[in-house]
């Protein structure tokens, strides 16, 4: 499971993402990688297990997010390559359309099923979906969005979190911060800060992009435990050519 909230505005983006994993996987990122692709500076939390990431940003104000996919009838198997490689491959794009082209150039059957959310400072928010065989694209317009992935019961998780997200939107940034740390409606597999057996929410990331640049804050802790703790931080100067 993962929970992503994305709030676009005129020449501005704000996003928060809970990453849900088994702590036993050993994939808690402890650093933010800084680099460049196609001459664009970028940053992302570095997953030490895959060498990739589940989210990233570049100096053009492009934000990218990866959620696992669970298509009906999919048989779990080990894909040839990690889905965590996809975002670093796309961070050379100056906007969602360019990044989507870079992703579609990758053979979908080399990776497990997934959903990639692509957002820029202007224009619609895009989503690329892979069923493990082919890519399909969706356009979401430019509006506040909530994305949820769950291998247990995605419909139930979205039904539980959707009304909480709408209420948080009405409360502004403080409401959204509280939403991502929340155990509502009850601590467990459908709560935003998720706890399910050996799996749980293991980190929270907050990203902001505007014409003054990109700012990333990352806590390698369950969101319900971050109060009073300092995040890892990175920033990028704008490159809006």
Protein backbone atom coordinates (compact mmCIF):
# COMPACT_ATOMS: atom_id res chain seq x y z
CA UNK A 1 0.00 0.00 0.00
CA UNK A 2 0.90 3.65 -0.45
CA UNK A 3 -1.05 6.90 -0.09
CA UNK A 4 -0.31 9.92 -2.27
CA UNK A 5 -2.05 13.29 -2.04
CA UNK A 6 -1.32 15.81 -4.77
CA UNK A 7 -2.45 19.43 -4.60
CA UNK A 8 -1.81 21.52 -7.74
CA UNK A 9 -2.16 25.28 -8.02
CA UNK A 10 -1.19 27.95 -10.54
CA UNK A 11 2.52 27.29 -11.17
CA UNK A 12 2.70 25.35 -7.90
CA UNK A 13 2.53 21.76 -6.67
CA UNK A 14 2.41 20.22 -3.23
CA UNK A 15 2.50 16.49 -2.55
CA UNK A 16 2.67 14.12 0.40
CA UNK A 17 3.30 10.40 0.17
CA UNK A 18 3.24 7.59 2.73
CA UNK A 19 5.30 4.62 1.64
CA UNK A 20 4.04 1.27 2.89
CA UNK A 21 6.37 -1.72 3.06
CA UNK A 22 7.48 -4.55 5.29
CA UNK A 23 10.31 -3.22 7.53
CA UNK A 24 11.87 -6.68 7.12
CA UNK A 25 12.54 -5.85 3.45
CA UNK A 26 15.35 -3.54 4.55
CA UNK A 27 14.33 -0.81 2.11
CA UNK A 28 14.10 2.17 4.45
CA UNK A 29 15.90 4.91 2.51
CA UNK A 30 18.36 6.78 4.73
CA UNK A 31 19.57 9.35 2.21
CA UNK A 32 18.37 11.63 -0.57
CA UNK A 33 20.21 11.16 -3.84
CA UNK A 34 21.15 14.32 -5.77
CA UNK A 35 22.18 14.10 -9.42
CA UNK A 36 21.25 15.14 -12.93
CA UNK A 37 19.71 13.71 -16.08
CA UNK A 38 19.58 15.40 -19.49
CA UNK A 39 21.21 18.40 -17.82
CA UNK A 40 18.45 18.70 -15.21
CA UNK A 41 19.23 18.46 -11.51
CA UNK A 42 17.07 15.97 -9.65
CA UNK A 43 16.57 14.45 -6.21
CA UNK A 44 14.95 11.34 -4.78
CA UNK A 45 15.10 9.16 -1.64
CA UNK A 46 17.45 6.29 -2.43
CA UNK A 47 16.09 2.80 -1.78
CA UNK A 48 19.14 0.77 -0.68
CA UNK A 49 17.47 -2.51 -1.66
CA UNK A 50 16.69 -1.70 -5.32
CA UNK A 51 18.99 1.27 -5.89
CA UNK A 52 15.92 3.11 -7.17
CA UNK A 53 13.09 5.11 -5.67
CA UNK A 54 9.33 5.53 -5.36
CA UNK A 55 9.27 9.31 -5.91
CA UNK A 56 11.45 12.06 -7.35
CA UNK A 57 11.60 15.65 -8.55
CA UNK A 58 13.67 17.70 -10.96
CA UNK A 59 14.57 21.38 -11.30
CA UNK A 60 11.94 21.94 -14.01
CA UNK A 61 9.28 21.37 -11.33
CA UNK A 62 8.41 17.85 -12.45
CA UNK A 63 7.23 15.52 -9.66
CA UNK A 64 7.02 11.75 -10.21
CA UNK A 65 5.48 9.06 -7.99
CA UNK A 66 5.37 5.26 -8.21
CA UNK A 67 2.67 3.03 -6.75
CA UNK A 68 2.48 -0.73 -7.15
CA UNK A 69 -0.29 -2.07 -9.35
CA UNK A 70 -2.51 -5.06 -8.68
CA UNK A 71 -4.40 -5.91 -11.89
CA UNK A 72 -7.07 -8.55 -11.69
CA UNK A 73 -5.75 -12.02 -12.43
CA UNK A 74 -2.11 -11.01 -12.05
CA UNK A 75 0.06 -13.85 -10.78
CA UNK A 76 2.79 -12.68 -8.44
CA UNK A 77 6.21 -13.33 -9.95
CA UNK A 78 9.62 -11.73 -9.85
CA UNK A 79 10.01 -9.27 -12.71
CA UNK A 80 13.36 -9.00 -14.52
CA UNK A 81 13.88 -5.42 -13.30
CA UNK A 82 12.84 -3.39 -10.27
CA UNK A 83 10.04 -0.85 -10.63
CA UNK A 84 12.23 1.42 -8.51
CA UNK A 85 14.38 2.06 -11.61
CA UNK A 86 11.56 3.78 -13.51
CA UNK A 87 11.51 7.21 -11.88
CA UNK A 88 15.28 7.83 -12.25
CA UNK A 89 14.88 6.96 -15.95
CA UNK A 90 12.17 9.62 -16.38
CA UNK A 91 13.68 12.52 -14.42
CA UNK A 92 15.26 13.94 -17.57
CA UNK A 93 11.83 15.06 -18.78
CA UNK A 94 10.93 18.75 -18.53
CA UNK A 95 7.27 18.01 -17.98
CA UNK A 96 4.78 15.15 -17.60
CA UNK A 97 4.51 14.51 -21.36
CA UNK A 98 8.27 14.19 -21.85
CA UNK A 99 8.59 11.99 -18.77
CA UNK A 100 5.71 9.80 -19.97
CA UNK A 101 7.48 9.32 -23.32
CA UNK A 102 10.65 8.23 -21.50
CA UNK A 103 8.65 5.73 -19.45
CA UNK A 104 6.71 4.33 -22.41
CA UNK A 105 10.05 3.68 -24.12
CA UNK A 106 10.67 1.04 -21.44
CA UNK A 107 9.28 -2.44 -22.12
CA UNK A 108 6.43 -2.88 -19.63
CA UNK A 109 7.00 -6.62 -19.32
CA UNK A 110 10.43 -6.02 -17.76
CA UNK A 111 8.75 -4.56 -14.65
CA UNK A 112 5.95 -5.57 -12.34
CA UNK A 113 2.52 -3.90 -12.60
CA UNK A 114 2.57 -0.30 -11.42
CA UNK A 115 1.07 3.17 -11.62
CA UNK A 116 3.15 6.29 -12.19
CA UNK A 117 1.78 9.75 -11.41
CA UNK A 118 3.42 12.66 -13.29
CA UNK A 119 2.80 16.32 -12.43
CA UNK A 120 4.35 19.61 -13.54
CA UNK A 121 3.99 23.29 -12.70
CA UNK A 122 1.43 23.67 -15.48
CA UNK A 123 -0.98 21.45 -17.37
CA UNK A 124 -2.83 18.25 -16.49
CA UNK A 125 -1.67 15.57 -14.11
CA UNK A 126 -0.93 12.33 -15.96
CA UNK A 127 -1.01 8.73 -14.84
CA UNK A 128 0.68 5.82 -16.59
CA UNK A 129 -0.50 2.34 -15.71
CA UNK A 130 1.17 -0.95 -16.50
CA UNK A 131 -0.43 -4.38 -16.12
CA UNK A 132 2.98 -5.98 -16.58
CA UNK A 133 2.44 -6.24 -20.33
CA UNK A 134 1.65 -2.78 -21.74
CA UNK A 135 1.33 0.89 -20.75
CA UNK A 136 -1.92 2.85 -20.74
CA UNK A 137 -2.27 6.57 -20.01
CA UNK A 138 -4.89 8.59 -18.11
CA UNK A 139 -5.26 12.37 -17.85
CA UNK A 140 -6.63 13.70 -14.57
CA UNK A 141 -6.84 17.42 -15.29
CA UNK A 142 -5.46 19.79 -12.69
CA UNK A 143 -7.22 19.33 -9.35
CA UNK A 144 -6.52 17.87 -5.89
CA UNK A 145 -6.09 14.12 -6.17
CA UNK A 146 -5.73 11.13 -3.85
CA UNK A 147 -4.03 7.94 -5.04
CA UNK A 148 -4.02 4.70 -3.05
CA UNK A 149 -2.44 1.35 -3.80
CA UNK A 150 -3.18 -1.79 -1.83
CA UNK A 151 -2.51 -5.46 -2.43
CA UNK A 152 -5.07 -6.33 0.25
CA UNK A 153 -8.23 -4.38 -0.70
CA UNK A 154 -7.64 -1.22 -2.71
CA UNK A 155 -11.32 -0.33 -3.00
CA UNK A 156 -11.80 -0.54 0.78
CA UNK A 157 -8.67 1.52 1.45
CA UNK A 158 -9.78 4.25 -0.98
CA UNK A 159 -13.32 4.25 0.44
CA UNK A 160 -11.92 4.70 3.96
CA UNK A 161 -9.37 7.38 3.08
CA UNK A 162 -11.31 9.37 0.46
CA UNK A 163 -13.70 11.19 2.84
CA UNK A 164 -10.83 11.89 5.25
CA UNK A 165 -8.86 13.45 2.39
CA UNK A 166 -11.77 15.70 1.42
CA UNK A 167 -12.12 16.86 5.02
CA UNK A 168 -8.35 17.48 5.25
CA UNK A 169 -8.42 19.62 2.09
CA UNK A 170 -10.86 21.98 3.76
CA UNK A 171 -8.40 22.44 6.64
CA UNK A 172 -5.40 23.43 4.52
CA UNK A 173 -1.82 22.28 4.95
CA UNK A 174 -2.22 21.44 8.62
CA UNK A 175 -5.14 19.20 7.79
CA UNK A 176 -3.18 17.39 5.10
CA UNK A 177 -0.23 16.88 7.46
CA UNK A 178 -2.58 15.38 10.04
CA UNK A 179 -4.27 13.23 7.38
CA UNK A 180 -0.99 11.54 6.44
CA UNK A 181 -0.12 10.85 10.10
CA UNK A 182 -3.61 9.62 10.89
CA UNK A 183 -4.82 6.23 12.11
CA UNK A 184 -8.39 7.12 11.17
CA UNK A 185 -10.89 5.58 10.75
CA UNK A 186 -9.15 2.99 12.94
CA UNK A 187 -5.51 1.90 13.13
CA UNK A 188 -5.07 -1.02 10.78
CA UNK A 189 -4.87 -1.98 7.11
CA UNK A 190 -7.13 0.82 5.82
CA UNK A 191 -5.79 3.68 7.98
CA UNK A 192 -3.73 6.31 6.16
CA UNK A 193 -0.73 5.60 8.38
CA UNK A 194 -1.10 1.90 7.72
CA UNK A 195 -0.38 -0.98 10.12
CA UNK A 196 -0.99 -4.53 8.90
CA UNK A 197 0.91 -7.47 10.37
CA UNK A 198 4.54 -7.12 9.31
CA UNK A 199 3.70 -4.33 6.84
CA UNK A 200 3.24 -0.71 7.79
CA UNK A 201 3.79 2.85 6.60
CA UNK A 202 7.57 3.23 6.84
CA UNK A 203 8.10 6.82 5.66
CA UNK A 204 6.53 10.16 4.81
CA UNK A 205 7.71 12.52 2.05
CA UNK A 206 6.56 16.10 1.46
CA UNK A 207 7.41 17.81 -1.85
CA UNK A 208 6.77 21.39 -2.95
CA UNK A 209 7.52 22.85 -6.37
CA UNK A 210 7.03 26.35 -7.73
CA UNK A 211 8.93 28.86 -9.85
CA UNK A 212 11.38 29.41 -7.00
CA UNK A 213 12.49 25.77 -7.07
CA UNK A 214 11.78 22.40 -5.49
CA UNK A 215 11.90 21.42 -1.82
CA UNK A 216 11.83 17.86 -0.50
CA UNK A 217 11.43 16.70 3.08
CA UNK A 218 11.69 13.00 3.90
CA UNK A 219 11.17 11.22 7.22
CA UNK A 220 12.37 7.56 7.25
CA UNK A 221 9.88 6.80 10.02
CA UNK A 222 6.24 5.74 10.26
CA UNK A 223 4.26 8.98 9.78
CA UNK A 224 2.59 8.55 13.18
CA UNK A 225 6.06 8.76 14.80
CA UNK A 226 7.58 11.81 13.06
CA UNK A 227 6.34 14.53 15.42
CA UNK A 228 9.38 16.38 16.78
CA UNK A 229 11.85 14.62 14.47
CA UNK A 230 13.91 16.36 11.80
CA UNK A 231 13.51 15.27 8.17
CA UNK A 232 16.19 14.69 5.58
CA UNK A 233 15.96 17.65 3.20
CA UNK A 234 16.96 18.59 -0.33
CA UNK A 235 16.28 21.59 -2.55
CA UNK A 236 16.77 22.35 -6.24
CA UNK A 237 17.23 25.75 -7.86
CA UNK A 238 14.72 26.29 -10.67
CA UNK A 239 15.59 25.45 -14.28
CA UNK A 240 12.58 26.60 -16.28
CA UNK A 241 14.07 27.06 -19.74
